[in-house]
Amino acid sequence: MKYAYSTDKEHYHGEFDSPEEAATECIENDDVDSCYVGEVIPPTPPETYIDVDAIIEHIQEQDDYNMEFAEDWPDASAAQRKELDEALTAAFAAWLDKHGLRPTHYVVHNVKHMTRNDI
């Protein structure tokens, strides 16, 4: 587990091995008496948000497909939709990796207020 610190509970900095290490860095370098420290959590991988039904729906809303005679397109089975979902997810993940586009930010959870007495 890694930890980050903030003086305003909004902008977090660093990736430290312990809450105390993060708080020490904050208090000593920012010349404050207390700070906020939380657990660094990587964001959910972007490819997990691929939604085949939303993609198909977006296509169905286009003029070429938004007509009565095209209302049943595509008549894909659940297995076919799952196959497409897996293929698109894998393709998006491969594209992210190929171009070095994985997220580098993190989300901070379980924030606690720490003072000089806590370190």
N, C-alpha and C. Protein backbone atom coordinates (compact mmCIF):
# COMPACT_ATOMS: atom_id res chain seq x y z
N MET A 1 0.85 -1.17 0.00
CA MET A 1 0.00 0.00 0.00
C MET A 1 0.90 1.24 0.00
N LYS A 2 0.51 2.24 -0.77
CA LYS A 2 1.22 3.52 -0.82
C LYS A 2 0.30 4.60 -0.26
N TYR A 3 0.92 5.72 0.17
CA TYR A 3 0.18 6.82 0.78
C TYR A 3 0.60 8.15 0.17
N ALA A 4 -0.33 9.09 0.14
CA ALA A 4 -0.07 10.44 -0.37
C ALA A 4 -0.55 11.44 0.67
N TYR A 5 -0.04 12.67 0.57
CA TYR A 5 -0.44 13.71 1.53
C TYR A 5 -1.01 14.93 0.82
N SER A 6 -1.74 15.72 1.59
CA SER A 6 -2.33 16.96 1.10
C SER A 6 -2.42 17.96 2.25
N THR A 7 -2.28 19.22 1.91
CA THR A 7 -2.49 20.26 2.92
C THR A 7 -3.90 20.83 2.81
N ASP A 8 -4.58 20.56 1.69
CA ASP A 8 -5.91 21.14 1.49
C ASP A 8 -7.01 20.09 1.29
N LYS A 9 -6.66 18.81 1.41
CA LYS A 9 -7.59 17.70 1.25
C LYS A 9 -8.16 17.62 -0.17
N GLU A 10 -7.44 18.23 -1.10
CA GLU A 10 -7.88 18.23 -2.49
C GLU A 10 -6.76 17.80 -3.44
N HIS A 11 -5.58 18.37 -3.26
CA HIS A 11 -4.43 18.07 -4.12
C HIS A 11 -3.45 17.21 -3.34
N TYR A 12 -3.26 15.98 -3.80
CA TYR A 12 -2.40 15.02 -3.09
C TYR A 12 -1.06 14.87 -3.80
N HIS A 13 -0.03 14.55 -3.02
CA HIS A 13 1.33 14.47 -3.54
C HIS A 13 2.02 13.22 -3.05
N GLY A 14 2.87 12.66 -3.92
CA GLY A 14 3.77 11.59 -3.55
C GLY A 14 3.14 10.22 -3.45
N GLU A 15 4.01 9.25 -3.29
CA GLU A 15 3.63 7.87 -3.03
C GLU A 15 4.62 7.34 -2.00
N PHE A 16 4.21 7.29 -0.76
CA PHE A 16 5.07 6.93 0.35
C PHE A 16 4.69 5.56 0.89
N ASP A 17 5.64 4.93 1.58
CA ASP A 17 5.44 3.57 2.08
C ASP A 17 4.59 3.50 3.35
N SER A 18 4.43 4.61 4.05
CA SER A 18 3.62 4.59 5.26
C SER A 18 2.93 5.94 5.44
N PRO A 19 1.85 5.98 6.21
CA PRO A 19 1.19 7.26 6.48
C PRO A 19 2.14 8.22 7.19
N GLU A 20 2.95 7.69 8.09
CA GLU A 20 3.88 8.53 8.85
C GLU A 20 4.93 9.16 7.93
N GLU A 21 5.41 8.40 6.96
CA GLU A 21 6.39 8.93 6.01
C GLU A 21 5.78 10.05 5.17
N ALA A 22 4.54 9.87 4.74
CA ALA A 22 3.85 10.90 3.97
C ALA A 22 3.63 12.15 4.82
N ALA A 23 3.20 11.97 6.05
CA ALA A 23 2.95 13.11 6.94
C ALA A 23 4.25 13.85 7.26
N THR A 24 5.32 13.11 7.47
CA THR A 24 6.61 13.74 7.75
C THR A 24 7.04 14.61 6.58
N GLU A 25 6.93 14.08 5.38
CA GLU A 25 7.29 14.84 4.18
C GLU A 25 6.47 16.12 4.09
N CYS A 26 5.19 16.01 4.32
CA CYS A 26 4.30 17.16 4.24
C CYS A 26 4.65 18.21 5.29
N ILE A 27 4.73 17.79 6.51
CA ILE A 27 4.93 18.73 7.62
C ILE A 27 6.31 19.40 7.54
N GLU A 28 7.33 18.63 7.22
CA GLU A 28 8.68 19.21 7.14
C GLU A 28 8.88 20.10 5.92
N ASN A 29 8.34 19.71 4.78
CA ASN A 29 8.58 20.48 3.54
C ASN A 29 7.59 21.61 3.31
N ASP A 30 6.38 21.48 3.83
CA ASP A 30 5.37 22.51 3.61
C ASP A 30 5.24 23.44 4.81
N ASP A 31 6.04 23.18 5.85
CA ASP A 31 6.05 24.02 7.05
C ASP A 31 4.64 24.21 7.62
N VAL A 32 3.97 23.08 7.85
CA VAL A 32 2.63 23.09 8.44
C VAL A 32 2.64 22.21 9.69
N ASP A 33 1.61 22.33 10.50
CA ASP A 33 1.52 21.52 11.71
C ASP A 33 0.71 20.25 11.53
N SER A 34 -0.05 20.19 10.44
CA SER A 34 -0.86 19.00 10.19
C SER A 34 -1.13 18.88 8.70
N CYS A 35 -1.59 17.70 8.31
CA CYS A 35 -1.93 17.47 6.91
C CYS A 35 -2.89 16.28 6.82
N TYR A 36 -3.30 15.99 5.61
CA TYR A 36 -4.19 14.87 5.35
C TYR A 36 -3.40 13.80 4.61
N VAL A 37 -3.58 12.56 5.04
CA VAL A 37 -2.87 11.44 4.43
C VAL A 37 -3.89 10.37 4.07
N GLY A 38 -3.75 9.82 2.87
CA GLY A 38 -4.68 8.79 2.43
C GLY A 38 -4.00 7.71 1.63
N GLU A 39 -4.71 6.62 1.43
CA GLU A 39 -4.21 5.48 0.67
C GLU A 39 -4.29 5.78 -0.82
N VAL A 40 -3.21 5.49 -1.53
CA VAL A 40 -3.14 5.68 -2.97
C VAL A 40 -3.73 4.44 -3.65
N ILE A 41 -4.76 4.66 -4.45
CA ILE A 41 -5.42 3.56 -5.16
C ILE A 41 -5.36 3.88 -6.66
N PRO A 42 -4.85 2.96 -7.48
CA PRO A 42 -4.86 3.21 -8.92
C PRO A 42 -6.30 3.24 -9.44
N PRO A 43 -6.55 4.01 -10.49
CA PRO A 43 -7.91 4.04 -11.03
C PRO A 43 -8.26 2.71 -11.69
N THR A 44 -9.54 2.46 -11.83
CA THR A 44 -10.01 1.28 -12.54
C THR A 44 -9.45 1.32 -13.96
N PRO A 45 -8.95 0.20 -14.48
CA PRO A 45 -8.43 0.22 -15.86
C PRO A 45 -9.50 0.71 -16.84
N PRO A 46 -9.13 1.64 -17.72
CA PRO A 46 -10.13 2.25 -18.62
C PRO A 46 -10.89 1.24 -19.49
N GLU A 47 -10.22 0.17 -19.88
CA GLU A 47 -10.88 -0.79 -20.78
C GLU A 47 -12.05 -1.50 -20.12
N THR A 48 -12.13 -1.46 -18.79
CA THR A 48 -13.26 -2.12 -18.13
C THR A 48 -14.56 -1.32 -18.32
N TYR A 49 -14.44 -0.11 -18.83
CA TYR A 49 -15.63 0.71 -19.07
C TYR A 49 -16.19 0.56 -20.48
N ILE A 50 -15.60 -0.32 -21.29
CA ILE A 50 -16.16 -0.57 -22.62
C ILE A 50 -17.56 -1.14 -22.41
N ASP A 51 -18.53 -0.56 -23.10
CA ASP A 51 -19.92 -0.98 -22.98
C ASP A 51 -20.47 -1.25 -24.38
N VAL A 52 -20.52 -2.50 -24.77
CA VAL A 52 -20.95 -2.89 -26.11
C VAL A 52 -22.37 -2.40 -26.38
N ASP A 53 -23.25 -2.51 -25.41
CA ASP A 53 -24.63 -2.08 -25.63
C ASP A 53 -24.70 -0.58 -25.90
N ALA A 54 -23.89 0.21 -25.22
CA ALA A 54 -23.85 1.66 -25.46
C ALA A 54 -23.29 1.97 -26.84
N ILE A 55 -22.29 1.22 -27.27
CA ILE A 55 -21.71 1.43 -28.61
C ILE A 55 -22.74 1.10 -29.68
N ILE A 56 -23.40 -0.03 -29.54
CA ILE A 56 -24.43 -0.42 -30.52
C ILE A 56 -25.57 0.60 -30.51
N GLU A 57 -25.98 1.03 -29.34
CA GLU A 57 -27.05 2.03 -29.24
C GLU A 57 -26.64 3.34 -29.92
N HIS A 58 -25.40 3.73 -29.76
CA HIS A 58 -24.91 4.96 -30.41
C HIS A 58 -25.01 4.82 -31.94
N ILE A 59 -24.64 3.66 -32.46
CA ILE A 59 -24.75 3.43 -33.90
C ILE A 59 -26.22 3.44 -34.33
N GLN A 60 -27.08 2.82 -33.54
CA GLN A 60 -28.51 2.78 -33.87
C GLN A 60 -29.14 4.16 -33.88
N GLU A 61 -28.56 5.12 -33.19
CA GLU A 61 -29.10 6.48 -33.16
C GLU A 61 -28.68 7.31 -34.38
N GLN A 62 -27.77 6.79 -35.18
CA GLN A 62 -27.33 7.52 -36.37
C GLN A 62 -28.40 7.42 -37.45
N ASP A 63 -28.44 8.42 -38.32
CA ASP A 63 -29.49 8.51 -39.33
C ASP A 63 -29.62 7.23 -40.18
N ASP A 64 -28.52 6.61 -40.53
CA ASP A 64 -28.58 5.41 -41.37
C ASP A 64 -29.20 4.21 -40.68
N TYR A 65 -29.30 4.26 -39.36
CA TYR A 65 -29.81 3.12 -38.59
C TYR A 65 -31.03 3.46 -37.77
N ASN A 66 -31.45 4.70 -37.79
CA ASN A 66 -32.56 5.17 -36.97
C ASN A 66 -33.85 5.19 -37.79
N MET A 67 -34.12 4.07 -38.42
CA MET A 67 -35.32 3.94 -39.25
C MET A 67 -36.04 2.66 -38.88
N GLU A 68 -37.29 2.60 -39.18
CA GLU A 68 -38.10 1.45 -38.80
C GLU A 68 -37.53 0.13 -39.33
N PHE A 69 -37.06 0.13 -40.58
CA PHE A 69 -36.58 -1.13 -41.16
C PHE A 69 -35.24 -1.58 -40.58
N ALA A 70 -34.58 -0.73 -39.80
CA ALA A 70 -33.30 -1.10 -39.19
C ALA A 70 -33.41 -1.27 -37.68
N GLU A 71 -34.63 -1.22 -37.15
CA GLU A 71 -34.78 -1.24 -35.69
C GLU A 71 -34.30 -2.51 -35.03
N ASP A 72 -34.23 -3.61 -35.74
CA ASP A 72 -33.77 -4.86 -35.15
C ASP A 72 -32.27 -5.12 -35.36
N TRP A 73 -31.59 -4.17 -36.00
CA TRP A 73 -30.16 -4.36 -36.25
C TRP A 73 -29.37 -4.01 -35.01
N PRO A 74 -28.36 -4.69 -34.62
CA PRO A 74 -28.04 -6.05 -35.08
C PRO A 74 -28.80 -7.05 -34.22
N ASP A 75 -29.20 -8.10 -34.80
CA ASP A 75 -29.91 -9.13 -34.06
C ASP A 75 -28.87 -10.11 -33.51
N ALA A 76 -28.02 -9.60 -32.63
CA ALA A 76 -26.90 -10.39 -32.10
C ALA A 76 -27.32 -11.11 -30.82
N SER A 77 -26.86 -12.32 -30.71
CA SER A 77 -27.15 -13.10 -29.49
C SER A 77 -26.29 -12.58 -28.33
N ALA A 78 -26.62 -13.05 -27.14
CA ALA A 78 -25.83 -12.66 -25.97
C ALA A 78 -24.38 -13.13 -26.12
N ALA A 79 -24.18 -14.30 -26.68
CA ALA A 79 -22.82 -14.82 -26.88
C ALA A 79 -22.06 -13.96 -27.89
N GLN A 80 -22.75 -13.51 -28.94
CA GLN A 80 -22.10 -12.65 -29.93
C GLN A 80 -21.74 -11.29 -29.32
N ARG A 81 -22.61 -10.75 -28.52
CA ARG A 81 -22.32 -9.47 -27.85
C ARG A 81 -21.15 -9.63 -26.88
N LYS A 82 -21.12 -10.75 -26.17
CA LYS A 82 -20.01 -11.00 -25.24
C LYS A 82 -18.70 -11.11 -26.02
N GLU A 83 -18.73 -11.77 -27.16
CA GLU A 83 -17.53 -11.89 -28.00
C GLU A 83 -17.05 -10.51 -28.43
N LEU A 84 -17.97 -9.66 -28.85
CA LEU A 84 -17.60 -8.30 -29.26
C LEU A 84 -17.06 -7.51 -28.08
N ASP A 85 -17.68 -7.65 -26.93
CA ASP A 85 -17.21 -6.96 -25.72
C ASP A 85 -15.78 -7.36 -25.39
N GLU A 86 -15.48 -8.64 -25.43
CA GLU A 86 -14.13 -9.12 -25.14
C GLU A 86 -13.12 -8.62 -26.17
N ALA A 87 -13.50 -8.61 -27.44
CA ALA A 87 -12.60 -8.16 -28.50
C ALA A 87 -12.31 -6.66 -28.38
N LEU A 88 -13.35 -5.86 -28.14
CA LEU A 88 -13.15 -4.41 -28.00
C LEU A 88 -12.35 -4.08 -26.75
N THR A 89 -12.61 -4.78 -25.66
CA THR A 89 -11.87 -4.55 -24.42
C THR A 89 -10.39 -4.86 -24.63
N ALA A 90 -10.10 -6.00 -25.26
CA ALA A 90 -8.71 -6.38 -25.52
C ALA A 90 -8.04 -5.39 -26.47
N ALA A 91 -8.75 -4.95 -27.50
CA ALA A 91 -8.18 -4.00 -28.47
C ALA A 91 -7.87 -2.67 -27.80
N PHE A 92 -8.77 -2.19 -26.95
CA PHE A 92 -8.54 -0.92 -26.26
C PHE A 92 -7.36 -1.03 -25.30
N ALA A 93 -7.28 -2.14 -24.56
CA ALA A 93 -6.17 -2.36 -23.64
C ALA A 93 -4.84 -2.40 -24.40
N ALA A 94 -4.82 -3.10 -25.53
CA ALA A 94 -3.60 -3.19 -26.33
C ALA A 94 -3.20 -1.82 -26.86
N TRP A 95 -4.17 -1.03 -27.29
CA TRP A 95 -3.89 0.33 -27.79
C TRP A 95 -3.31 1.21 -26.69
N LEU A 96 -3.89 1.15 -25.50
CA LEU A 96 -3.36 1.91 -24.36
C LEU A 96 -1.91 1.52 -24.08
N ASP A 97 -1.65 0.22 -24.08
CA ASP A 97 -0.30 -0.27 -23.78
C ASP A 97 0.69 0.11 -24.89
N LYS A 98 0.29 -0.05 -26.13
CA LYS A 98 1.16 0.24 -27.27
C LYS A 98 1.64 1.69 -27.26
N HIS A 99 0.75 2.61 -26.89
CA HIS A 99 1.07 4.03 -26.95
C HIS A 99 1.42 4.64 -25.59
N GLY A 100 1.54 3.78 -24.57
CA GLY A 100 1.90 4.27 -23.24
C GLY A 100 0.87 5.24 -22.67
N LEU A 101 -0.40 4.91 -22.85
CA LEU A 101 -1.48 5.82 -22.44
C LEU A 101 -2.21 5.37 -21.17
N ARG A 102 -1.62 4.44 -20.45
CA ARG A 102 -2.23 4.03 -19.19
C ARG A 102 -2.28 5.23 -18.24
N PRO A 103 -3.30 5.33 -17.41
CA PRO A 103 -3.38 6.45 -16.47
C PRO A 103 -2.21 6.43 -15.49
N THR A 104 -1.71 7.60 -15.17
CA THR A 104 -0.62 7.71 -14.21
C THR A 104 -1.10 8.36 -12.91
N HIS A 105 -2.35 8.80 -12.89
CA HIS A 105 -2.88 9.42 -11.68
C HIS A 105 -3.38 8.34 -10.72
N TYR A 106 -3.76 8.77 -9.55
CA TYR A 106 -4.32 7.85 -8.57
C TYR A 106 -5.48 8.52 -7.86
N VAL A 107 -6.24 7.69 -7.18
CA VAL A 107 -7.37 8.14 -6.36
C VAL A 107 -6.95 7.92 -4.91
N VAL A 108 -7.35 8.82 -4.02
CA VAL A 108 -6.97 8.71 -2.62
C VAL A 108 -8.20 8.35 -1.78
N HIS A 109 -8.05 7.30 -0.98
CA HIS A 109 -9.13 6.81 -0.12
C HIS A 109 -8.66 6.78 1.33
N ASN A 110 -9.62 6.64 2.22
CA ASN A 110 -9.36 6.48 3.65
C ASN A 110 -8.43 7.59 4.18
N VAL A 111 -8.82 8.80 3.90
CA VAL A 111 -8.03 9.97 4.31
C VAL A 111 -8.17 10.19 5.81
N LYS A 112 -7.03 10.48 6.44
CA LYS A 112 -7.08 10.84 7.87
C LYS A 112 -6.21 12.07 8.11
N HIS A 113 -6.61 12.82 9.09
CA HIS A 113 -5.89 14.03 9.48
C HIS A 113 -4.74 13.62 10.39
N MET A 114 -3.54 14.11 10.09
CA MET A 114 -2.37 13.77 10.91
C MET A 114 -1.66 15.04 11.35
N THR A 115 -1.16 15.00 12.57
CA THR A 115 -0.43 16.15 13.13
C THR A 115 1.00 15.73 13.42
N ARG A 116 1.78 16.70 13.86
CA ARG A 116 3.18 16.40 14.24
C ARG A 116 3.24 15.30 15.31
N ASN A 117 2.26 15.25 16.17
CA ASN A 117 2.23 14.25 17.24
C ASN A 117 2.03 12.83 16.71
N ASP A 118 1.50 12.71 15.48
CA ASP A 118 1.22 11.38 14.91
C ASP A 118 2.44 10.76 14.24
N ILE A 119 3.50 11.55 14.05
CA ILE A 119 4.66 11.01 13.33
C ILE A 119 5.85 10.78 14.24
